[in-house]
C-alpha atoms as a PDB file:
ATOM      1  CA  MET A   1      35.816 110.411 146.311  1.00  0.00           C
ATOM      2  CA  ASP A   2      34.282 111.369 143.026  1.00  0.00           C
ATOM      3  CA  ILE A   3      33.432 114.943 143.893  1.00  0.00           C
ATOM      4  CA  GLU A   4      37.384 114.744 144.901  1.00  0.00           C
ATOM      5  CA  LYS A   5      38.231 112.734 141.733  1.00  0.00           C
ATOM      6  CA  ASN A   6      36.215 116.281 139.262  1.00  0.00           C
ATOM      7  CA  THR A   7      37.483 118.392 142.126  1.00  0.00           C
ATOM      8  CA  LYS A   8      41.203 117.221 140.993  1.00  0.00           C
ATOM      9  CA  ASN A   9      40.165 117.040 136.782  1.00  0.00           C
ATOM     10  CA  LYS A  10      38.301 119.850 136.816  1.00  0.00           C
ATOM     11  CA  GLY A  11      41.613 121.170 138.394  1.00  0.00           C
ATOM     12  CA  VAL A  12      43.795 120.164 135.651  1.00  0.00           C
ATOM     13  CA  GLU A  13      41.664 121.070 133.083  1.00  0.00           C
ATOM     14  CA  ASP A  14      41.297 124.870 134.177  1.00  0.00           C
ATOM     15  CA  LYS A  15      45.444 124.773 134.022  1.00  0.00           C
ATOM     16  CA  LEU A  16      45.678 123.214 130.550  1.00  0.00           C
ATOM     17  CA  ASN A  17      42.648 126.153 129.384  1.00  0.00           C
ATOM     18  CA  SER A  18      44.705 128.983 131.255  1.00  0.00           C
ATOM     19  CA  PHE A  19      48.245 127.054 129.857  1.00  0.00           C
ATOM     20  CA  MET A  20      46.961 127.419 126.139  1.00  0.00           C
ATOM     21  CA  SER A  21      45.166 130.974 126.242  1.00  0.00           C
ATOM     22  CA  LYS A  22      48.568 132.440 127.178  1.00  0.00           C
ATOM     23  CA  HIS A  23      50.302 130.126 124.683  1.00  0.00           C
ATOM     24  CA  ALA A  24      48.121 129.943 121.898  1.00  0.00           C
ATOM     25  CA  LYS A  25      50.103 132.343 119.304  1.00  0.00           C
ATOM     26  CA  PRO A  26      53.395 130.665 119.998  1.00  0.00           C
ATOM     27  CA  ILE A  27      51.583 126.922 119.802  1.00  0.00           C
ATOM     28  CA  ILE A  28      50.300 128.425 116.514  1.00  0.00           C
ATOM     29  CA  ALA A  29      53.079 129.743 115.114  1.00  0.00           C
ATOM     30  CA  ILE A  30      55.198 126.633 115.726  1.00  0.00           C
ATOM     31  CA  PHE A  31      52.034 124.584 113.804  1.00  0.00           C
ATOM     32  CA  VAL A  32      52.461 127.063 110.903  1.00  0.00           C
ATOM     33  CA  VAL A  33      56.104 126.844 110.637  1.00  0.00           C
ATOM     34  CA  VAL A  34      56.134 122.898 110.801  1.00  0.00           C
ATOM     35  CA  ILE A  35      53.746 123.061 107.752  1.00  0.00           C
ATOM     36  CA  VAL A  36      54.699 125.617 106.050  1.00  0.00           C
ATOM     37  CA  LEU A  37      58.253 124.007 105.733  1.00  0.00           C
ATOM     38  CA  LEU A  38      56.123 120.571 104.468  1.00  0.00           C
ATOM     39  CA  ILE A  39      55.399 122.716 101.846  1.00  0.00           C
ATOM     40  CA  ALA A  40      58.054 123.954 100.837  1.00  0.00           C
ATOM     41  CA  ALA A  41      60.191 120.242 101.346  1.00  0.00           C
ATOM     42  CA  CYS A  42      57.688 118.941  99.348  1.00  0.00           C
ATOM     43  CA  ILE A  43      57.893 121.858  96.822  1.00  0.00           C
ATOM     44  CA  ALA A  44      61.508 121.107  96.494  1.00  0.00           C
ATOM     45  CA  VAL A  45      60.944 117.919  95.753  1.00  0.00           C
ATOM     46  CA  VAL A  46      58.798 118.121  92.898  1.00  0.00           C
ATOM     47  CA  THR A  47      61.235 121.070  91.609  1.00  0.00           C
ATOM     48  CA  ILE A  48      64.026 118.935  91.545  1.00  0.00           C
ATOM     49  CA  GLN A  49      62.277 115.911  89.681  1.00  0.00           C
ATOM     50  CA  ASN A  50      60.698 118.601  86.815  1.00  0.00           C
ATOM     51  CA  SER A  51      64.034 119.524  86.951  1.00  0.00           C
ATOM     52  CA  LYS A  52      65.381 115.527  86.380  1.00  0.00           C
ATOM     53  CA  ASN A  53      62.883 115.227  84.245  1.00  0.00           C
ATOM     54  CA  ALA A  54      63.838 118.291  81.725  1.00  0.00           C
ATOM     55  CA  ALA A  55      67.311 117.572  82.143  1.00  0.00           C
ATOM     56  CA  PHE A  56      66.703 113.896  80.671  1.00  0.00           C
ATOM     57  CA  ASP A  57      64.512 115.028  77.731  1.00  0.00           C
ATOM     58  CA  ALA A  58      66.486 117.868  76.763  1.00  0.00           C
ATOM     59  CA  VAL A  59      69.668 114.153  76.763  1.00  0.00           C
ATOM     60  CA  ALA A  60      67.034 112.920  74.699  1.00  0.00           C
ATOM     61  CA  ASP A  61      66.175 115.682  72.367  1.00  0.00           C
ATOM     62  CA  LEU A  62      70.434 116.016  71.559  1.00  0.00           C
ATOM     63  CA  GLU A  63      70.561 112.785  70.630  1.00  0.00           C
ATOM     64  CA  SER A  64      67.795 113.141  68.131  1.00  0.00           C
ATOM     65  CA  GLN A  65      69.957 116.386  66.475  1.00  0.00           C
ATOM     66  CA  PHE A  66      73.206 114.587  66.553  1.00  0.00           C
ATOM     67  CA  THR A  67      71.716 111.247  64.944  1.00  0.00           C
ATOM     68  CA  ALA A  68      69.686 113.930  62.146  1.00  0.00           C
ATOM     69  CA  MET A  69      72.509 115.548  61.737  1.00  0.00           C
ATOM     70  CA  ASN A  70      73.970 112.368  60.756  1.00  0.00           C
ATOM     71  CA  SER A  71      71.594 112.155  57.611  1.00  0.00           C
ATOM     72  CA  MET A  72      72.763 115.609  56.235  1.00  0.00           C
ATOM     73  CA  ASP A  73      74.406 116.852  53.932  1.00  0.00           C
ATOM     74  CA  PRO A  74      77.389 118.626  56.005  1.00  0.00           C
ATOM     75  CA  GLU A  75      77.869 121.090  52.471  1.00  0.00           C
ATOM     76  CA  SER A  76      74.066 121.956  52.995  1.00  0.00           C
ATOM     77  CA  ALA A  77      72.620 125.304  54.722  1.00  0.00           C
ATOM     78  CA  GLU A  78      70.494 122.877  56.638  1.00  0.00           C
ATOM     79  CA  TYR A  79      73.276 121.079  58.424  1.00  0.00           C
ATOM     80  CA  SER A  80      75.296 124.567  59.175  1.00  0.00           C
ATOM     81  CA  GLU A  81      71.812 125.586  61.044  1.00  0.00           C
ATOM     82  CA  ALA A  82      71.342 121.915  62.987  1.00  0.00           C
ATOM     83  CA  LEU A  83      75.281 122.378  64.508  1.00  0.00           C
ATOM     84  CA  ALA A  84      74.409 125.234  65.396  1.00  0.00           C
ATOM     85  CA  ALA A  85      71.655 124.414  67.121  1.00  0.00           C
ATOM     86  CA  PHE A  86      72.993 121.447  68.331  1.00  0.00           C
ATOM     87  CA  GLN A  87      76.618 122.725  69.681  1.00  0.00           C
ATOM     88  CA  ALA A  88      74.055 125.657  71.468  1.00  0.00           C
ATOM     89  CA  ASP A  89      72.083 122.913  73.428  1.00  0.00           C
ATOM     90  CA  ALA A  90      75.328 120.852  73.556  1.00  0.00           C
ATOM     91  CA  ASP A  91      76.676 123.497  75.656  1.00  0.00           C
ATOM     92  CA  ALA A  92      74.220 124.059  77.175  1.00  0.00           C
ATOM     93  CA  LEU A  93      73.662 120.807  78.935  1.00  0.00           C
ATOM     94  CA  ALA A  94      77.903 120.438  79.596  1.00  0.00           C
ATOM     95  CA  ALA A  95      77.991 123.555  82.325  1.00  0.00           C
ATOM     96  CA  ASP A  96      76.743 121.462  84.319  1.00  0.00           C
ATOM     97  CA  GLY A  97      79.704 118.919  84.298  1.00  0.00           C
ATOM     98  CA  THR A  98      79.899 115.599  83.807  1.00  0.00           C
ATOM     99  CA  SER A  99      79.005 114.381  87.363  1.00  0.00           C
ATOM    100  CA  GLU A 100      75.266 113.603  86.514  1.00  0.00           C
ATOM    101  CA  TYR A 101      74.011 111.879  83.600  1.00  0.00           C
ATOM    102  CA  PRO A 102      73.364 114.902  81.011  1.00  0.00           C
ATOM    103  CA  GLY A 103      76.424 116.804  81.602  1.00  0.00           C
ATOM    104  CA  ALA A 104      77.989 113.892  81.275  1.00  0.00           C
ATOM    105  CA  LYS A 105      76.159 112.061  77.912  1.00  0.00           C
ATOM    106  CA  ALA A 106      75.657 116.302  76.554  1.00  0.00           C
ATOM    107  CA  THR A 107      79.875 115.856  76.587  1.00  0.00           C
ATOM    108  CA  MET A 108      79.892 113.073  75.211  1.00  0.00           C
ATOM    109  CA  LEU A 109      77.577 114.076  72.146  1.00  0.00           C
ATOM    110  CA  LEU A 110      80.527 116.841  72.185  1.00  0.00           C
ATOM    111  CA  GLY A 111      83.188 114.804  72.078  1.00  0.00           C
ATOM    112  CA  ASP A 112      81.372 113.147  69.063  1.00  0.00           C
ATOM    113  CA  LEU A 113      81.155 115.418  67.238  1.00  0.00           C
ATOM    114  CA  ALA A 114      84.904 116.502  67.320  1.00  0.00           C
ATOM    115  CA  PHE A 115      85.703 113.261  67.034  1.00  0.00           C
ATOM    116  CA  GLN A 116      83.802 112.600  63.137  1.00  0.00           C
ATOM    117  CA  ASP A 117      85.560 116.240  62.243  1.00  0.00           C
ATOM    118  CA  MET A 118      89.377 114.571  63.118  1.00  0.00           C
ATOM    119  CA  ASP A 119      89.754 117.143  65.258  1.00  0.00           C
ATOM    120  CA  TRP A 120      91.361 113.885  67.568  1.00  0.00           C
ATOM    121  CA  GLN A 121      92.949 115.992  70.587  1.00  0.00           C
ATOM    122  CA  SER A 122      89.884 118.185  71.575  1.00  0.00           C
ATOM    123  CA  ALA A 123      87.582 115.436  71.228  1.00  0.00           C
ATOM    124  CA  ALA A 124      90.302 113.165  73.522  1.00  0.00           C
ATOM    125  CA  ASP A 125      89.468 116.129  76.234  1.00  0.00           C
ATOM    126  CA  TYR A 126      85.745 116.154  76.077  1.00  0.00           C
ATOM    127  CA  TYR A 127      85.854 111.724  76.454  1.00  0.00           C
ATOM    128  CA  ALA A 128      88.513 112.329  79.473  1.00  0.00           C
ATOM    129  CA  ALA A 129      86.409 115.149  81.235  1.00  0.00           C
ATOM    130  CA  VAL A 130      83.582 111.809  80.844  1.00  0.00           C
ATOM    131  CA  ALA A 131      85.769 109.075  82.893  1.00  0.00           C
ATOM    132  CA  GLU A 132      86.649 111.394  84.945  1.00  0.00           C
ATOM    133  CA  GLY A 133      83.323 112.645  86.197  1.00  0.00           C
ATOM    134  CA  GLN A 134      81.388 109.201  85.268  1.00  0.00           C
ATOM    135  CA  SER A 135      84.086 107.261  87.140  1.00  0.00           C
ATOM    136  CA  GLY A 136      82.399 103.132  87.449  1.00  0.00           C
ATOM    137  CA  THR A 137      79.919 103.538  84.792  1.00  0.00           C
ATOM    138  CA  TYR A 138      79.499 102.269  81.104  1.00  0.00           C
ATOM    139  CA  LEU A 139      79.870 105.692  80.544  1.00  0.00           C
ATOM    140  CA  ALA A 140      83.324 105.787  81.528  1.00  0.00           C
ATOM    141  CA  GLN A 141      84.585 103.029  80.038  1.00  0.00           C
ATOM    142  CA  LEU A 142      83.103 103.950  76.997  1.00  0.00           C
ATOM    143  CA  ALA A 143      85.144 107.405  77.132  1.00  0.00           C
ATOM    144  CA  LEU A 144      88.359 106.317  77.844  1.00  0.00           C
ATOM    145  CA  MET A 145      88.227 104.067  75.113  1.00  0.00           C
ATOM    146  CA  ASN A 146      86.980 106.629  72.951  1.00  0.00           C
ATOM    147  CA  GLU A 147      89.750 108.777  74.744  1.00  0.00           C
ATOM    148  CA  ALA A 148      92.393 105.929  73.687  1.00  0.00           C
ATOM    149  CA  ALA A 149      91.573 105.995  70.025  1.00  0.00           C
ATOM    150  CA  CYS A 150      92.078 110.042  70.049  1.00  0.00           C
ATOM    151  CA  TYR A 151      95.393 109.714  70.948  1.00  0.00           C
ATOM    152  CA  GLU A 152      96.307 106.564  68.427  1.00  0.00           C
ATOM    153  CA  ASN A 153      94.948 109.251  65.261  1.00  0.00           C
ATOM    154  CA  LEU A 154      97.445 111.339  67.185  1.00  0.00           C
ATOM    155  CA  ASP A 155     100.102 109.164  66.882  1.00  0.00           C
ATOM    156  CA  GLN A 156     100.724 109.023  70.550  1.00  0.00           C
ATOM    157  CA  SER A 157     100.688 105.470  71.271  1.00  0.00           C
ATOM    158  CA  ASP A 158     101.865 105.562  74.710  1.00  0.00           C
ATOM    159  CA  ILE A 159      99.415 107.251  75.809  1.00  0.00           C
ATOM    160  CA  ALA A 160      96.966 105.272  74.186  1.00  0.00           C
ATOM    161  CA  LEU A 161      98.059 102.297  75.637  1.00  0.00           C
ATOM    162  CA  GLY A 162      98.034 103.928  79.414  1.00  0.00           C
ATOM    163  CA  LEU A 163      94.108 104.226  78.578  1.00  0.00           C
ATOM    164  CA  TYR A 164      93.578 101.001  77.494  1.00  0.00           C
ATOM    165  CA  ASN A 165      95.464  99.260  80.248  1.00  0.00           C
ATOM    166  CA  GLU A 166      93.793 102.205  82.637  1.00  0.00           C
ATOM    167  CA  VAL A 167      89.940  99.981  81.554  1.00  0.00           C
ATOM    168  CA  LEU A 168      91.584  97.260  82.125  1.00  0.00           C
ATOM    169  CA  ASP A 169      93.199  98.585  85.863  1.00  0.00           C
ATOM    170  CA  THR A 170      89.878  99.874  86.762  1.00  0.00           C
ATOM    171  CA  TYR A 171      87.106  97.902  85.463  1.00  0.00           C
ATOM    172  CA  GLY A 172      88.896  93.986  85.434  1.00  0.00           C
ATOM    173  CA  ASP A 173      88.981  91.272  82.877  1.00  0.00           C
ATOM    174  CA  LYS A 174      85.856  91.106  82.900  1.00  0.00           C
ATOM    175  CA  GLY A 175      85.039  94.440  81.869  1.00  0.00           C
ATOM    176  CA  VAL A 176      82.495  94.802  79.070  1.00  0.00           C
ATOM    177  CA  PHE A 177      85.077  96.411  76.461  1.00  0.00           C
ATOM    178  CA  ALA A 178      87.378  94.025  78.174  1.00  0.00           C
ATOM    179  CA  PRO A 179      88.372  92.529  75.310  1.00  0.00           C
ATOM    180  CA  LYS A 180      88.651  94.917  72.960  1.00  0.00           C
ATOM    181  CA  ALA A 181      91.119  96.808  75.016  1.00  0.00           C
ATOM    182  CA  MET A 182      93.593  94.036  75.824  1.00  0.00           C
ATOM    183  CA  PHE A 183      93.328  93.691  72.099  1.00  0.00           C
ATOM    184  CA  SER A 184      94.493  96.991  71.685  1.00  0.00           C
ATOM    185  CA  VAL A 185      97.328  96.524  74.212  1.00  0.00           C
ATOM    186  CA  GLY A 186      98.285  93.440  72.437  1.00  0.00           C
ATOM    187  CA  ARG A 187      98.101  95.479  68.730  1.00  0.00           C
ATOM    188  CA  ILE A 188      99.668  98.276  70.238  1.00  0.00           C
ATOM    189  CA  TYR A 189     102.973  96.103  71.668  1.00  0.00           C
ATOM    190  CA  ALA A 190     103.186  94.906  68.271  1.00  0.00           C
ATOM    191  CA  GLU A 191     102.925  98.325  66.760  1.00  0.00           C
ATOM    192  CA  GLN A 192     105.813  98.856  68.682  1.00  0.00           C
ATOM    193  CA  GLY A 193     108.424  95.489  68.252  1.00  0.00           C
ATOM    194  CA  GLU A 194     107.309  94.052  72.009  1.00  0.00           C
ATOM    195  CA  ALA A 195     106.391  90.903  70.098  1.00  0.00           C
ATOM    196  CA  ALA A 196     106.741  89.069  74.159  1.00  0.00           C
ATOM    197  CA  LEU A 197     104.981  91.346  75.037  1.00  0.00           C
ATOM    198  CA  ALA A 198     101.656  90.799  72.093  1.00  0.00           C
ATOM    199  CA  GLU A 199     102.083  87.339  72.473  1.00  0.00           C
ATOM    200  CA  ALA A 200     101.709  87.118  76.640  1.00  0.00           C
ATOM    201  CA  GLU A 201      98.167  90.065  76.019  1.00  0.00           C
ATOM    202  CA  PHE A 202      96.856  87.673  72.954  1.00  0.00           C
ATOM    203  CA  GLN A 203      97.569  84.582  75.179  1.00  0.00           C
ATOM    204  CA  ASN A 204      95.585  85.728  77.957  1.00  0.00           C
ATOM    205  CA  LEU A 205      92.692  87.343  76.015  1.00  0.00           C
ATOM    206  CA  THR A 206      92.207  84.108  73.964  1.00  0.00           C
ATOM    207  CA  GLY A 207      92.395  82.273  77.511  1.00  0.00           C
ATOM    208  CA  LEU A 208      89.918  84.713  78.367  1.00  0.00           C
ATOM    209  CA  TYR A 209      87.536  84.791  75.512  1.00  0.00           C
ATOM    210  CA  LEU A 210      87.490  82.212  72.427  1.00  0.00           C
ATOM    211  CA  VAL A 211      86.135  79.779  74.888  1.00  0.00           C
ATOM    212  CA  PRO A 212      84.355  81.181  77.807  1.00  0.00           C
ATOM    213  CA  GLY A 213      83.633  79.984  80.493  1.00  0.00           C
ATOM    214  CA  ASN A 214      79.529  81.563  80.805  1.00  0.00           C
ATOM    215  CA  GLY A 215      78.608  79.352  77.481  1.00  0.00           C
ATOM    216  CA  ALA A 216      78.491  82.733  75.597  1.00  0.00           C
ATOM    217  CA  MET A 217      79.840  83.263  72.450  1.00  0.00           C
ATOM    218  CA  PRO A 218      83.618  83.532  71.667  1.00  0.00           C
ATOM    219  CA  SER A 219      84.701  87.450  71.555  1.00  0.00           C
ATOM    220  CA  GLU A 220      85.593  88.611  67.699  1.00  0.00           C
ATOM    221  CA  TYR A 221      88.675  89.872  69.281  1.00  0.00           C
ATOM    222  CA  ALA A 222      89.906  87.079  71.419  1.00  0.00           C
ATOM    223  CA  ARG A 223      89.424  85.573  67.277  1.00  0.00           C
ATOM    224  CA  MET A 224      91.565  88.126  65.966  1.00  0.00           C
ATOM    225  CA  ALA A 225      94.336  87.222  69.128  1.00  0.00           C
ATOM    226  CA  GLU A 226      93.898  83.367  68.071  1.00  0.00           C
ATOM    227  CA  ALA A 227      94.949  84.556  64.435  1.00  0.00           C
ATOM    228  CA  TYR A 228      97.958  86.340  65.751  1.00  0.00           C
ATOM    229  CA  LEU A 229      99.375  84.279  67.443  1.00  0.00           C
ATOM    230  CA  ILE A 230      98.817  81.559  64.744  1.00  0.00           C
ATOM    231  CA  ASN A 231     100.341  83.750  61.794  1.00  0.00           C
ATOM    232  CA  TYR A 232     103.043  85.065  64.512  1.00  0.00           C
END
C-alpha cells in the first residue's frame, strides 16, 4: 500500500512539475501584473492624499493672505501687491470648482473680497456658486445668507427674501442661521409694509428662540423680534 501511495504521490508531483514548467512564464507574468497594480494603487492613494493636503494647506495660506490684506492700507503699494497675489492664488484654487472644500473656500473668499469692495453682484455670484457646490454644509448656509445680503444692498429685496426663505426651507428652523434668517424675513416684510406677515414671522422666531427648549441663551434676533412686537 505504501509503495502504491508513494507511486501516486510521485505521479501527482511529476504532473505538477510538468504543469509549472510549461506555464511558468504566464504564472510569473500574472504575479508581476498583480504586484504592479498593487504598487500603482498605493502610489495613487498617496498622490491623492498629498494633493488633498496641499490643497488644504493652500486654503490656510489664502486665509492668512486675506487676513493680512485687511490690516493694510488699501491705497498702499503693499496692498496692491498682496491683492494681486491673493487673487491669483484664489483663482487657481477656485478653478477646481466648489464641490470640494478648497475650491469652495477660495470662491467664498473671493466673494468676501468683492463684498468688501461693494461689488454686490460679483459677490452674490461667488456666494451662489458656493451654496450650490456645498449643498447641505455650513458653508452653503453661510453663502446663502451672504448672497441675500448682497441682493439687499442691490435693493432687490424680493430676491433676498427668497434666499432667506431658502435657508429656512432647506435647513429648517433649527439650522445654525435660522434665527437670523427668520428675523431677516420679518424685517423685509415690515419694510415692504406687510405688517401681518412680519408679525407672524417675529412671533414664530420668539416662540422658538426667546426661551430655547435646550436651555441655551435667548437669540439676539429673538430679542429684537420681541422688541418689534412690543413696539408695533
